[in-house]
Amino acid sequence: MKDYLLISNTIENKISNFYIDLVSSHVEKSTNQKVSFRELSFRKAYEWELVSNKYNSKLKKIMSDFQLNYKIDCNFIRGSEKRKKKLLIADMDSTIIKEESLDELARQIGKEKEVSFITNEAMNGRVEFKKALMDRVAILKGNSTDILETLKKNININDGAKELVKTMNMNGSITVLASGGFTFLTEYLKEELGFKYTHANKLNIIKNEFKKFVITGKVEEPILDKKAKFEYLKKYVKKYNLNYNDTICVGDGANDIEMISHAGIGVSYYGKTALNKVADIHFKNTSLLGLLYAQGYSDDYILK
């Protein structure tokens, strides 16, 4: 079985020969043999193929220090017969998009500070997700649905999201967007990015006496919480006759823990501490293209 050491940085495109030679020397000292590397993306991503259990724990510590010193992500990827995954499940807020959607809705009505505080508590696992969701949505009560349309126009899709979904779709994978956010935004992103399936919560909306559509401050049942994401992972694994090794999941917060801890590759994308403890790989200097590099895709096989 082969493992892989992946180094990546798509923010500064800074991986020069100096860094490549430095990593190669560390790998060779650990394995007592010359190990060739493969360029996945010029100055952005490189990998070394390692024989499982033939490199020592000291190498992991060295590469951890390397990451801290040089701001280049270093990830050891477990060997698998099926390196290119057949199922992607992605979180939405702060993962596929840059923003936390509820925080942005609150910003429009001048309530950003109190909502973002609750969001941060929930994402770090200090507040139960369902309660945090209901408390934040209640703050939106009485506001026009115009704020939903404004949000759609102003969100920023994270770098690499389009390539990630398009490339996996074209290679026969199932792509799923699962969010504790809301359907008005996940359906929009489904059209923009090409996800095959989306799952999210639904805001309760009514027409008031002035025939305007307004947010009631409630969420329609059933509520998609942290357990639901893992349930969707199980559902699609069963539906497509897969196993967990066929899957890659990505998120950034505590509500992604159960899903990511069961995935074949669980990715923390600029994630919170609680999630980092269980994720297989972590990206702090790499776009969502990192998920493709982790599966062995090079730029030649990534669809733009």
Protein backbone atom coordinates (compact mmCIF):
# COMPACT_ATOMS: atom_id res chain seq x y z
CA MET A 1 0.00 0.00 0.00
CA LYS A 2 1.19 3.51 -0.81
CA ASP A 3 0.77 6.63 1.28
CA TYR A 4 1.39 10.14 -0.02
CA LEU A 5 2.95 13.28 1.32
CA LEU A 6 1.25 16.29 -0.26
CA ILE A 7 2.58 19.82 0.03
CA SER A 8 0.47 22.65 -1.33
CA ASN A 9 0.01 26.39 -1.37
CA THR A 10 -2.31 28.01 -3.91
CA ILE A 11 -2.44 31.37 -2.15
CA GLU A 12 1.08 32.52 -2.93
CA ASN A 13 2.20 29.87 -5.47
CA LYS A 14 5.47 29.82 -3.56
CA ILE A 15 6.72 26.22 -3.79
CA SER A 16 10.16 26.71 -5.37
CA ASN A 17 12.97 24.20 -5.91
CA PHE A 18 14.31 25.17 -2.49
CA TYR A 19 11.22 23.82 -0.76
CA ILE A 20 11.03 20.73 -3.00
CA ASP A 21 14.66 19.85 -2.30
CA LEU A 22 14.17 20.42 1.41
CA VAL A 23 11.18 18.09 1.59
CA SER A 24 12.94 15.49 -0.56
CA SER A 25 15.89 15.47 1.82
CA HIS A 26 13.63 14.96 4.83
CA VAL A 27 11.79 12.12 3.08
CA GLU A 28 15.01 10.40 2.06
CA LYS A 29 16.43 10.57 5.57
CA SER A 30 13.23 9.07 6.97
CA THR A 31 12.92 6.26 4.44
CA ASN A 32 16.63 5.62 3.79
CA GLN A 33 15.98 5.66 0.07
CA LYS A 34 15.56 8.14 -2.76
CA VAL A 35 11.89 8.99 -3.24
CA SER A 36 10.79 10.79 -6.39
CA PHE A 37 8.16 13.50 -6.33
CA ARG A 38 5.36 14.36 -8.75
CA GLU A 39 4.33 17.86 -9.75
CA LEU A 40 0.57 18.28 -9.53
CA SER A 41 0.57 22.01 -10.12
CA PHE A 42 3.55 24.24 -10.88
CA ARG A 43 4.66 26.02 -7.70
CA LYS A 44 1.35 25.05 -6.04
CA ALA A 45 1.23 21.30 -5.27
CA TYR A 46 3.67 18.36 -5.17
CA GLU A 47 3.47 14.84 -3.79
CA TRP A 48 5.87 12.12 -2.69
CA GLU A 49 4.78 8.46 -2.82
CA LEU A 50 5.68 6.61 0.38
CA VAL A 51 5.49 2.94 1.24
CA SER A 52 3.05 2.61 4.14
CA ASN A 53 4.82 2.05 7.48
CA LYS A 54 8.22 2.64 5.85
CA TYR A 55 8.60 6.19 7.11
CA ASN A 56 8.89 7.23 10.72
CA SER A 57 6.91 9.49 13.03
CA LYS A 58 9.81 11.92 13.09
CA LEU A 59 9.01 12.83 9.48
CA LYS A 60 5.51 13.90 10.49
CA LYS A 61 6.92 16.16 13.18
CA ILE A 62 9.44 17.64 10.75
CA MET A 63 6.73 18.34 8.19
CA SER A 64 4.51 19.89 10.85
CA ASP A 65 7.33 22.30 11.68
CA PHE A 66 7.91 22.88 7.95
CA GLN A 67 4.27 23.90 7.56
CA LEU A 68 4.46 26.35 10.46
CA ASN A 69 7.72 27.87 9.30
CA TYR A 70 6.93 28.24 5.60
CA LYS A 71 3.11 28.45 5.45
CA ILE A 72 2.93 25.51 3.05
CA ASP A 73 0.29 22.87 3.82
CA CYS A 74 1.74 19.42 4.48
CA ASN A 75 -0.59 16.43 4.59
CA PHE A 76 0.02 12.70 4.83
CA ILE A 77 -2.67 10.86 2.88
CA ARG A 78 -3.47 7.27 3.78
CA GLY A 79 -3.08 4.67 1.08
CA SER A 80 -6.28 3.43 -0.55
CA GLU A 81 -7.03 1.18 -3.48
CA LYS A 82 -9.44 3.83 -4.74
CA ARG A 83 -7.61 7.11 -4.47
CA LYS A 84 -10.03 9.05 -6.66
CA LYS A 85 -13.22 9.18 -4.64
CA LYS A 86 -16.72 8.43 -5.91
CA LEU A 87 -18.65 10.65 -3.49
CA LEU A 88 -18.03 14.24 -2.40
CA ILE A 89 -20.09 15.81 0.38
CA ALA A 90 -19.28 19.46 1.05
CA ASP A 91 -20.40 21.94 3.68
CA MET A 92 -21.49 25.34 2.34
CA ASP A 93 -20.77 28.24 4.72
CA SER A 94 -17.07 29.14 4.97
CA THR A 95 -16.31 26.12 2.79
CA ILE A 96 -17.90 26.36 -0.66
CA ILE A 97 -18.60 30.04 -0.06
CA LYS A 98 -16.43 32.49 1.89
CA GLU A 99 -19.26 33.80 4.03
CA GLU A 100 -21.38 32.51 6.90
CA SER A 101 -24.77 33.10 5.27
CA LEU A 102 -26.70 33.83 8.45
CA ASP A 103 -24.10 36.36 9.53
CA GLU A 104 -24.43 38.09 6.16
CA LEU A 105 -28.23 38.20 6.39
CA ALA A 106 -27.87 39.72 9.86
CA ARG A 107 -25.41 42.29 8.52
CA GLN A 108 -28.10 43.60 6.17
CA ILE A 109 -30.44 44.32 9.07
CA GLY A 110 -27.82 45.65 11.49
CA LYS A 111 -27.73 42.54 13.69
CA GLU A 112 -24.40 41.09 12.57
CA LYS A 113 -22.62 41.31 15.94
CA GLU A 114 -25.09 39.26 17.94
CA VAL A 115 -25.61 36.68 15.19
CA SER A 116 -21.92 36.20 14.42
CA PHE A 117 -21.23 35.62 18.12
CA ILE A 118 -23.72 32.73 18.17
CA THR A 119 -22.29 31.39 14.89
CA ASN A 120 -18.78 31.34 16.31
CA GLU A 121 -19.91 29.57 19.48
CA ALA A 122 -21.71 26.91 17.43
CA MET A 123 -18.85 26.36 14.97
CA ASN A 124 -16.45 25.81 17.86
CA GLY A 125 -18.83 23.32 19.46
CA ARG A 126 -19.66 25.45 22.50
CA VAL A 127 -23.37 25.79 21.65
CA GLU A 128 -25.63 23.00 20.38
CA PHE A 129 -26.19 23.52 16.65
CA LYS A 130 -30.00 23.37 16.61
CA LYS A 131 -30.36 25.93 19.38
CA ALA A 132 -27.84 28.24 17.70
CA LEU A 133 -29.73 27.95 14.42
CA MET A 134 -33.12 28.74 15.95
CA ASP A 135 -31.75 31.67 17.97
CA ARG A 136 -30.14 33.25 14.92
CA VAL A 137 -33.13 32.77 12.62
CA ALA A 138 -35.42 34.30 15.25
CA ILE A 139 -33.41 37.53 14.91
CA LEU A 140 -34.46 37.72 11.23
CA LYS A 141 -38.19 37.72 12.07
CA GLY A 142 -40.29 40.21 10.13
CA ASN A 143 -37.70 41.06 7.50
CA SER A 144 -38.49 41.00 3.80
CA THR A 145 -37.22 38.11 1.67
CA ASP A 146 -35.43 40.78 -0.37
CA ILE A 147 -32.45 40.19 1.91
CA LEU A 148 -32.21 36.62 0.58
CA GLU A 149 -31.92 37.83 -3.00
CA THR A 150 -29.35 40.43 -2.00
CA LEU A 151 -27.26 37.74 -0.32
CA LYS A 152 -27.26 35.57 -3.44
CA LYS A 153 -25.90 38.49 -5.45
CA ASN A 154 -23.15 39.25 -2.95
CA ILE A 155 -21.74 35.90 -1.85
CA ASN A 156 -18.23 34.90 -2.90
CA ILE A 157 -17.63 31.35 -4.06
CA ASN A 158 -14.32 30.05 -2.77
CA ASP A 159 -11.47 29.48 -5.19
CA GLY A 160 -11.40 25.97 -6.59
CA ALA A 161 -15.05 25.17 -5.86
CA LYS A 162 -16.12 25.19 -9.50
CA GLU A 163 -13.15 23.08 -10.61
CA LEU A 164 -13.68 20.64 -7.73
CA VAL A 165 -17.32 19.92 -8.53
CA LYS A 166 -16.87 19.93 -12.30
CA THR A 167 -13.87 17.60 -12.25
CA MET A 168 -15.46 15.11 -9.88
CA ASN A 169 -18.71 15.14 -11.85
CA MET A 170 -16.87 14.46 -15.10
CA ASN A 171 -15.04 11.55 -13.48
CA GLY A 172 -18.28 9.88 -12.46
CA SER A 173 -18.41 10.98 -8.84
CA ILE A 174 -21.54 11.98 -6.94
CA THR A 175 -21.34 15.57 -5.66
CA VAL A 176 -23.49 16.69 -2.73
CA LEU A 177 -23.84 20.04 -0.97
CA ALA A 178 -25.10 19.51 2.60
CA SER A 179 -25.57 22.58 4.76
CA GLY A 180 -27.05 23.69 8.04
CA GLY A 181 -27.82 26.85 6.06
CA PHE A 182 -30.79 27.32 3.77
CA THR A 183 -32.27 25.97 0.58
CA PHE A 184 -32.58 29.36 -1.14
CA LEU A 185 -28.77 29.47 -1.26
CA THR A 186 -27.94 25.78 -1.77
CA GLU A 187 -30.27 25.61 -4.79
CA TYR A 188 -28.61 28.69 -6.23
CA LEU A 189 -25.17 27.11 -5.77
CA LYS A 190 -26.40 23.87 -7.30
CA GLU A 191 -27.12 25.78 -10.50
CA GLU A 192 -23.90 27.79 -10.34
CA LEU A 193 -21.53 24.93 -9.56
CA GLY A 194 -23.26 21.77 -10.74
CA PHE A 195 -23.75 19.80 -7.52
CA LYS A 196 -25.88 16.74 -8.23
CA TYR A 197 -27.73 16.93 -4.90
CA THR A 198 -28.24 19.58 -2.23
CA HIS A 199 -29.64 19.40 1.29
CA ALA A 200 -30.30 22.29 3.67
CA ASN A 201 -32.81 23.83 6.03
CA LYS A 202 -35.82 25.78 4.82
CA LEU A 203 -36.75 29.20 6.15
CA ASN A 204 -40.43 29.63 6.99
CA ILE A 205 -41.80 32.47 4.84
CA ILE A 206 -45.28 34.00 4.74
CA LYS A 207 -47.07 36.76 2.86
CA ASN A 208 -48.02 39.61 5.21
CA GLU A 209 -51.01 41.92 5.13
CA PHE A 210 -49.23 44.14 2.62
CA LYS A 211 -48.76 41.11 0.31
CA LYS A 212 -45.01 41.17 0.93
CA PHE A 213 -43.06 37.99 1.58
CA VAL A 214 -41.40 38.07 5.00
CA ILE A 215 -39.31 35.76 7.17
CA THR A 216 -41.21 34.42 10.19
CA GLY A 217 -38.11 33.73 12.26
CA LYS A 218 -38.71 29.98 12.21
CA VAL A 219 -37.20 27.02 10.38
CA GLU A 220 -39.35 24.33 8.82
CA GLU A 221 -38.99 20.78 10.11
CA PRO A 222 -37.06 18.54 9.80
CA ILE A 223 -33.97 20.50 10.76
CA LEU A 224 -30.68 19.50 9.22
CA ASP A 225 -28.11 19.37 12.01
CA LYS A 226 -24.67 17.82 12.51
CA LYS A 227 -26.13 14.32 12.70
CA ALA A 228 -28.01 14.81 9.44
CA LYS A 229 -24.78 15.33 7.47
CA PHE A 230 -23.53 11.92 8.57
CA GLU A 231 -26.94 10.45 7.75
CA TYR A 232 -26.64 11.80 4.20
CA LEU A 233 -23.16 10.28 3.96
CA LYS A 234 -24.60 6.91 4.94
CA LYS A 235 -27.53 7.36 2.57
CA TYR A 236 -25.39 8.02 -0.51
CA VAL A 237 -22.88 5.31 0.34
CA LYS A 238 -25.76 2.84 0.42
CA LYS A 239 -27.61 4.27 -2.58
CA TYR A 240 -24.60 4.00 -4.88
CA ASN A 241 -23.24 0.76 -3.40
CA LEU A 242 -20.07 2.43 -2.11
CA ASN A 243 -18.06 2.18 1.10
CA TYR A 244 -16.65 4.97 3.24
CA ASN A 245 -13.21 4.64 1.61
CA ASP A 246 -14.88 5.85 -1.62
CA THR A 247 -15.78 9.20 -0.04
CA ILE A 248 -14.25 12.61 0.56
CA CYS A 249 -15.98 15.16 2.80
CA VAL A 250 -15.04 18.76 3.56
CA GLY A 251 -16.15 21.33 6.11
CA ASP A 252 -14.90 23.86 8.63
CA GLY A 253 -16.84 23.54 11.88
CA ALA A 254 -17.93 21.35 14.76
CA ASN A 255 -21.18 20.40 12.99
CA ASP A 256 -19.07 18.65 10.31
CA ILE A 257 -17.18 16.41 12.74
CA GLU A 258 -19.28 13.26 12.50
CA MET A 259 -19.42 13.35 8.69
CA ILE A 260 -15.72 14.06 8.29
CA SER A 261 -14.58 11.50 10.86
CA HIS A 262 -16.28 8.73 8.82
CA ALA A 263 -15.12 9.81 5.35
CA GLY A 264 -12.39 8.06 3.41
CA ILE A 265 -10.67 11.44 3.33
CA GLY A 266 -11.99 13.96 5.84
CA VAL A 267 -10.88 17.50 5.07
CA SER A 268 -10.76 20.46 7.41
CA TYR A 269 -10.86 23.56 5.21
CA TYR A 270 -9.55 26.51 7.25
CA GLY A 271 -11.33 24.68 10.05
CA LYS A 272 -11.99 25.26 13.71
CA THR A 273 -9.93 23.47 16.39
CA ALA A 274 -12.66 20.95 17.20
CA LEU A 275 -12.78 19.77 13.59
CA ASN A 276 -9.01 19.78 13.12
CA LYS A 277 -8.71 17.12 15.82
CA VAL A 278 -10.60 14.54 13.74
CA ALA A 279 -9.87 15.53 10.12
CA ASP A 280 -7.41 13.48 8.07
CA ILE A 281 -6.02 16.47 6.22
CA HIS A 282 -6.03 20.23 6.76
CA PHE A 283 -5.81 23.14 4.37
CA LYS A 284 -4.86 26.59 5.62
CA ASN A 285 -2.89 27.88 2.62
CA THR A 286 -4.63 26.01 -0.19
CA SER A 287 -7.87 26.53 -2.12
CA LEU A 288 -10.49 23.82 -2.67
CA LEU A 289 -8.26 22.54 -5.47
CA GLY A 290 -6.46 20.84 -2.60
CA LEU A 291 -9.21 18.22 -2.48
CA LEU A 292 -8.37 17.28 -6.06
CA TYR A 293 -4.63 17.24 -5.41
CA ALA A 294 -5.27 14.99 -2.39
CA GLN A 295 -6.91 12.50 -4.77
CA GLY A 296 -3.94 12.58 -7.13
CA TYR A 297 -5.39 14.88 -9.79
CA SER A 298 -2.86 17.11 -11.50
CA ASP A 299 -3.71 20.34 -13.31
CA ASP A 300 -3.74 18.47 -16.62
CA TYR A 301 -6.86 16.58 -15.45
CA ILE A 302 -8.65 19.40 -13.62
CA LEU A 303 -11.51 20.96 -15.55
CA LYS A 304 -11.71 24.75 -15.45
